[in-house]
Amino acid sequence: MNYSTIKTFDIANGIGCRTSIFVSGCRNKCEGCFNKETWPFSYGKVFGPDTIDYILETLKPEYIEGLSVLGGEPLEPENQKDVLKLVTSVKDAYPDKGIWLWTGFYWDDLFNELSRASTVYTKDILKKISVLVDGPYNESSKSLGLRFRGSSNQTLIDVPKSLLNGFVVEWKDVPLFDSHEWT
């Protein structure tokens, strides 16, 4: 797997101050994508043990809430093995820090064995993350008033509750932001 960048002290991609990694490789190629340079799988730097060590170091401070994994497409089949290594390392080192992951696939795609999103690693990745932002970016559903997503077809999913219940449970923001109109 390759990645384009790692952002430390990121406050745009999830709750609080976070470390974010943008992985390379995406076949979804959403119209209006803000990160087209990450579409080629060969873009950026090679992900490896040193990358994980660096990310773990950036997560050390108490004020860092967790890790955000974006792309490109973290759940392309070629990326899933390394994404699993990353999220497992983070959960092992920091069990109380949240992990958010953005994907252009819908929740149901991740469990459909006919979907390219469903691999031997998918369920194990999901077990490690707190929030999944699912669905492709849809230019016609774009809204600047949405928190942590770009278009209204995307859903913020509380992954532990969804796995426990067997159906999608939407993530609930803090009351101030959950009821606040951002437009």
Foldseek 3Di string as FASTA:
>chain_A
DFWADWDFQDPQADHFGAIETAAADAPVPAPPDPAVQRNDNPPHGDDDPVNLVVRLVSCPDPRHQYYEYHYNACQQVVNQVVLLVNLVSRCVSPVRHAYEYEHQADPVLCVDPVHSSDDPRSVSSLVRHQWYWYHHQHPVQADPFDGNDGGPVTFIFGSVVCVVVVHTDGDADPVVSNPDGRD
